[in-house]
Amino acid sequence: MLKQMPSDQRPREKLLARGSQALADAELLALLLRTGSRGVGVLELARQVLDQCQGFAGLMGATPQRLSALKGVRGLGPAKRAELLAVMEIARRALAQPLAAAPVFDSPARLKDYVALHLGGLEREVFAVVFLDNQHRLVVMEQLFQGTVNQTSVHPREIVRRALELNAAAVVLAHNHPSGLAEPSRADEFVTQSLKSALQLVDIRVLDHLVVGRGEVVSFAERGLL
């Protein structure tokens, strides 16, 4: 229990005295959760949540359904789940704001972080598109297709239609590898070239394809695969 810990070792006091970087992952999460449940202290609850989600990457990509279905975790009620989901959305919006104000490739690392925040840690493969205006600023990122753990069916016609609806001038493609390995596959390369050809017909550029693994994002553009 936190009350039984020396005051300078409690997460809140440690953060205020030494900064947020001094805290372990479970201590940071414990500050958000605030309380545990009967027989389970808040630090132990935080560790259980992180273990179940495989760290912050998985937690940031968790859906409300995923949080409510964590196995063996007691004390993560609706109020705590809502607070965690709100923090995740704040982080996404904080990253989106500068991407909407300036060309996304002015800060490629931020774009990778933004995409990873949406797709990292998901249990199923998801294919998303980052739609950009004629100055390559973020319009919106949308998850368009969901598949099994190993495969997603991607339909070029739907991406073209959505890009035209949004008046997009360019796109960045993105998908996750639930295995955790971000290395692009031959299928990924084939899909990229198919979408690039389809979008070229309506004068929309594919600027990159980002593959999100666990703790890594691989860029097709940086690899020379576009």
Protein backbone atom coordinates (compact mmCIF):
# COMPACT_ATOMS: atom_id res chain seq x y z
CA MET A 1 0.00 0.00 0.00
CA LEU A 2 1.25 3.48 -0.80
CA LYS A 3 0.61 4.80 2.71
CA GLN A 4 3.05 2.24 4.08
CA MET A 5 5.85 3.38 1.76
CA PRO A 6 8.40 6.04 2.78
CA SER A 7 7.03 9.40 1.65
CA ASP A 8 9.89 10.04 -0.76
CA GLN A 9 9.21 6.71 -2.51
CA ARG A 10 5.53 7.32 -3.15
CA PRO A 11 4.86 7.97 -6.85
CA ARG A 12 3.36 11.42 -6.43
CA GLU A 13 6.05 12.71 -4.11
CA LYS A 14 8.79 11.15 -6.23
CA LEU A 15 7.42 12.79 -9.39
CA LEU A 16 7.19 16.21 -7.77
CA ALA A 17 10.68 15.96 -6.30
CA ARG A 18 12.57 14.24 -9.12
CA GLY A 19 10.45 14.57 -12.26
CA SER A 20 8.29 12.13 -14.18
CA GLN A 21 11.29 10.31 -15.70
CA ALA A 22 12.22 9.03 -12.25
CA LEU A 23 9.06 6.91 -12.09
CA ALA A 24 8.73 3.35 -13.30
CA ASP A 25 5.89 2.50 -15.69
CA ALA A 26 3.72 1.04 -12.95
CA GLU A 27 4.26 4.10 -10.77
CA LEU A 28 3.15 6.45 -13.57
CA LEU A 29 0.03 4.41 -14.20
CA ALA A 30 -0.67 4.18 -10.47
CA LEU A 31 -0.88 7.99 -10.35
CA LEU A 32 -3.73 7.86 -12.88
CA LEU A 33 -5.52 4.94 -11.23
CA ARG A 34 -5.13 6.54 -7.74
CA THR A 35 -6.63 3.60 -5.81
CA GLY A 36 -6.55 -0.17 -5.97
CA SER A 37 -9.20 -2.61 -4.82
CA ARG A 38 -9.71 -4.76 -1.75
CA GLY A 39 -6.53 -6.76 -1.26
CA VAL A 40 -4.81 -5.23 -4.31
CA GLY A 41 -2.82 -2.02 -3.92
CA VAL A 42 -2.79 0.54 -6.69
CA LEU A 43 0.82 -0.28 -7.68
CA GLU A 44 -0.05 -3.95 -8.04
CA LEU A 45 -3.17 -3.04 -10.03
CA ALA A 46 -1.03 -0.90 -12.33
CA ARG A 47 1.44 -3.78 -12.82
CA GLN A 48 -1.39 -6.17 -13.64
CA VAL A 49 -2.85 -3.80 -16.25
CA LEU A 50 0.54 -3.26 -17.90
CA ASP A 51 1.30 -7.00 -17.88
CA GLN A 52 -2.05 -7.81 -19.51
CA CYS A 53 -1.60 -5.06 -22.12
CA GLN A 54 2.09 -5.81 -22.70
CA GLY A 55 3.16 -2.36 -21.61
CA PHE A 56 2.12 1.16 -22.47
CA ALA A 57 2.10 0.49 -26.22
CA GLY A 58 -0.66 -2.06 -25.79
CA LEU A 59 -2.49 0.04 -23.26
CA MET A 60 -2.50 3.08 -25.57
CA GLY A 61 -4.08 1.00 -28.32
CA ALA A 62 -6.63 -0.69 -26.08
CA THR A 63 -10.32 -0.33 -26.82
CA PRO A 64 -12.99 0.04 -24.12
CA GLN A 65 -13.89 -3.61 -24.72
CA ARG A 66 -10.28 -4.69 -24.30
CA LEU A 67 -9.91 -2.84 -21.01
CA SER A 68 -13.11 -4.29 -19.60
CA ALA A 69 -12.04 -7.83 -20.55
CA LEU A 70 -8.57 -7.87 -18.92
CA LYS A 71 -8.17 -11.27 -17.28
CA GLY A 72 -7.59 -11.47 -13.56
CA VAL A 73 -7.57 -7.69 -13.07
CA ARG A 74 -9.86 -6.51 -10.29
CA GLY A 75 -10.45 -2.86 -9.50
CA LEU A 76 -10.42 -1.44 -13.01
CA GLY A 77 -14.01 -0.22 -13.00
CA PRO A 78 -15.85 2.03 -15.45
CA ALA A 79 -14.53 5.25 -13.89
CA LYS A 80 -10.86 4.17 -14.12
CA ARG A 81 -11.34 2.81 -17.65
CA ALA A 82 -12.91 6.10 -18.73
CA GLU A 83 -10.00 8.07 -17.28
CA LEU A 84 -7.43 5.90 -19.07
CA LEU A 85 -9.28 6.20 -22.38
CA ALA A 86 -9.48 9.97 -21.93
CA VAL A 87 -5.72 10.21 -21.32
CA MET A 88 -5.06 8.12 -24.45
CA GLU A 89 -7.24 10.41 -26.54
CA ILE A 90 -5.55 13.51 -25.12
CA ALA A 91 -2.17 12.07 -26.18
CA ARG A 92 -3.46 11.37 -29.70
CA ARG A 93 -4.89 14.87 -30.05
CA ALA A 94 -1.71 16.44 -28.69
CA LEU A 95 0.29 14.71 -31.43
CA ALA A 96 -2.32 15.49 -34.12
CA GLN A 97 -2.37 19.24 -33.47
CA PRO A 98 1.12 20.08 -34.81
CA LEU A 99 0.65 17.62 -37.71
CA ALA A 100 -2.45 19.57 -38.75
CA ALA A 101 -0.59 22.88 -38.53
CA ALA A 102 2.49 22.07 -40.63
CA PRO A 103 3.54 19.52 -43.27
CA VAL A 104 3.76 16.11 -41.64
CA PHE A 105 7.28 15.50 -42.95
CA ASP A 106 8.52 18.58 -41.12
CA SER A 107 8.43 16.19 -38.13
CA PRO A 108 8.54 12.59 -39.40
CA ALA A 109 9.25 11.22 -35.94
CA ARG A 110 6.06 12.83 -34.64
CA LEU A 111 4.08 11.26 -37.50
CA LYS A 112 5.49 7.85 -36.56
CA ASP A 113 4.57 8.43 -32.92
CA TYR A 114 1.06 9.49 -33.93
CA VAL A 115 0.52 6.40 -36.06
CA ALA A 116 2.03 4.11 -33.41
CA LEU A 117 -0.26 5.61 -30.78
CA HIS A 118 -3.25 4.59 -32.88
CA LEU A 119 -2.07 1.17 -34.04
CA GLY A 120 0.60 -0.07 -31.65
CA GLY A 121 -0.46 -2.93 -29.40
CA LEU A 122 -3.63 -3.87 -31.30
CA GLU A 123 -4.35 -7.60 -31.31
CA ARG A 124 -5.73 -7.61 -34.84
CA GLU A 125 -4.18 -6.26 -37.99
CA VAL A 126 -5.63 -2.87 -38.89
CA PHE A 127 -5.02 -0.87 -42.07
CA ALA A 128 -5.30 2.90 -41.72
CA VAL A 129 -4.83 5.89 -43.97
CA VAL A 130 -3.52 9.31 -42.99
CA PHE A 131 -5.23 11.78 -45.32
CA LEU A 132 -3.32 15.01 -46.07
CA ASP A 133 -4.23 18.31 -47.70
CA ASN A 134 -2.34 19.94 -50.58
CA GLN A 135 0.28 21.26 -48.12
CA HIS A 136 0.71 17.77 -46.65
CA ARG A 137 -0.92 18.71 -43.37
CA LEU A 138 -3.01 16.21 -41.46
CA VAL A 139 -6.70 16.16 -42.33
CA VAL A 140 -7.63 12.97 -40.51
CA MET A 141 -6.39 9.45 -39.86
CA GLU A 142 -8.96 6.70 -40.31
CA GLN A 143 -8.82 2.98 -39.66
CA LEU A 144 -10.48 1.59 -42.78
CA PHE A 145 -9.93 -2.16 -42.70
CA GLN A 146 -9.58 -4.78 -39.99
CA GLY A 147 -8.44 -8.32 -40.53
CA THR A 148 -7.23 -11.42 -38.78
CA VAL A 149 -3.96 -11.56 -36.90
CA ASN A 150 -2.08 -12.23 -40.13
CA GLN A 151 -4.00 -10.63 -42.99
CA THR A 152 -6.12 -7.63 -43.85
CA SER A 153 -8.22 -7.26 -46.98
CA VAL A 154 -7.54 -3.80 -48.39
CA HIS A 155 -9.86 -2.40 -51.06
CA PRO A 156 -8.29 0.36 -53.22
CA ARG A 157 -11.69 1.60 -54.41
CA GLU A 158 -12.77 2.48 -50.87
CA ILE A 159 -9.55 4.36 -50.17
CA VAL A 160 -9.87 6.32 -53.41
CA ARG A 161 -13.49 7.15 -52.65
CA ARG A 162 -12.69 8.32 -49.13
CA ALA A 163 -9.71 10.40 -50.31
CA LEU A 164 -11.93 12.18 -52.83
CA GLU A 165 -14.60 12.81 -50.21
CA LEU A 166 -11.99 14.46 -47.98
CA ASN A 167 -10.43 16.36 -50.88
CA ALA A 168 -7.08 14.85 -49.94
CA ALA A 169 -4.04 15.60 -52.06
CA ALA A 170 -1.81 12.91 -50.56
CA VAL A 171 -1.92 10.01 -48.14
CA VAL A 172 0.31 8.04 -45.82
CA LEU A 173 -0.65 4.38 -45.53
CA ALA A 174 -0.21 2.59 -42.22
CA HIS A 175 -0.85 -0.78 -40.70
CA ASN A 176 0.27 -2.81 -37.71
CA HIS A 177 1.86 -6.22 -37.35
CA PRO A 178 0.33 -7.88 -34.27
CA SER A 179 3.33 -10.23 -34.16
CA GLY A 180 5.36 -7.22 -33.02
CA LEU A 181 7.83 -7.39 -35.92
CA ALA A 182 7.67 -4.27 -38.08
CA GLU A 183 9.58 -5.71 -41.05
CA PRO A 184 7.49 -5.22 -44.25
CA SER A 185 6.34 -8.38 -46.02
CA ARG A 186 6.06 -9.08 -49.73
CA ALA A 187 2.30 -8.72 -49.34
CA ASP A 188 2.82 -5.28 -47.78
CA GLU A 189 4.92 -4.23 -50.78
CA PHE A 190 2.30 -5.53 -53.22
CA VAL A 191 -0.55 -3.68 -51.46
CA THR A 192 1.50 -0.48 -51.41
CA GLN A 193 2.17 -0.56 -55.13
CA SER A 194 -1.48 -1.42 -55.90
CA LEU A 195 -2.74 1.51 -53.85
CA LYS A 196 -0.11 3.84 -55.28
CA SER A 197 -1.27 2.97 -58.82
CA ALA A 198 -4.96 3.34 -57.95
CA LEU A 199 -4.48 6.71 -56.27
CA GLN A 200 -2.29 8.04 -59.05
CA LEU A 201 -5.29 7.77 -61.38
CA VAL A 202 -7.01 10.52 -59.35
CA ASP A 203 -3.81 12.54 -58.81
CA ILE A 204 -3.35 11.61 -55.15
CA ARG A 205 0.18 10.80 -54.00
CA VAL A 206 1.19 8.02 -51.64
CA LEU A 207 3.98 9.62 -49.60
CA ASP A 208 4.79 6.70 -47.34
CA HIS A 209 3.63 3.43 -45.85
CA LEU A 210 4.34 2.96 -42.15
CA VAL A 211 4.44 -0.51 -40.61
CA VAL A 212 3.94 -0.51 -36.84
CA GLY A 213 5.49 -3.23 -34.71
CA ARG A 214 6.21 -3.38 -31.02
CA GLY A 215 8.41 -0.41 -30.24
CA GLU A 216 9.33 0.20 -33.89
CA VAL A 217 7.83 1.86 -36.96
CA VAL A 218 9.31 1.07 -40.38
CA SER A 219 8.94 3.61 -43.19
CA PHE A 220 8.70 2.43 -46.81
CA ALA A 221 9.96 5.83 -47.97
CA GLU A 222 13.06 5.60 -45.78
CA ARG A 223 13.70 2.08 -47.08
CA GLY A 224 13.37 3.22 -50.70
CA LEU A 225 10.39 0.92 -51.25
CA LEU A 226 8.18 3.60 -52.84
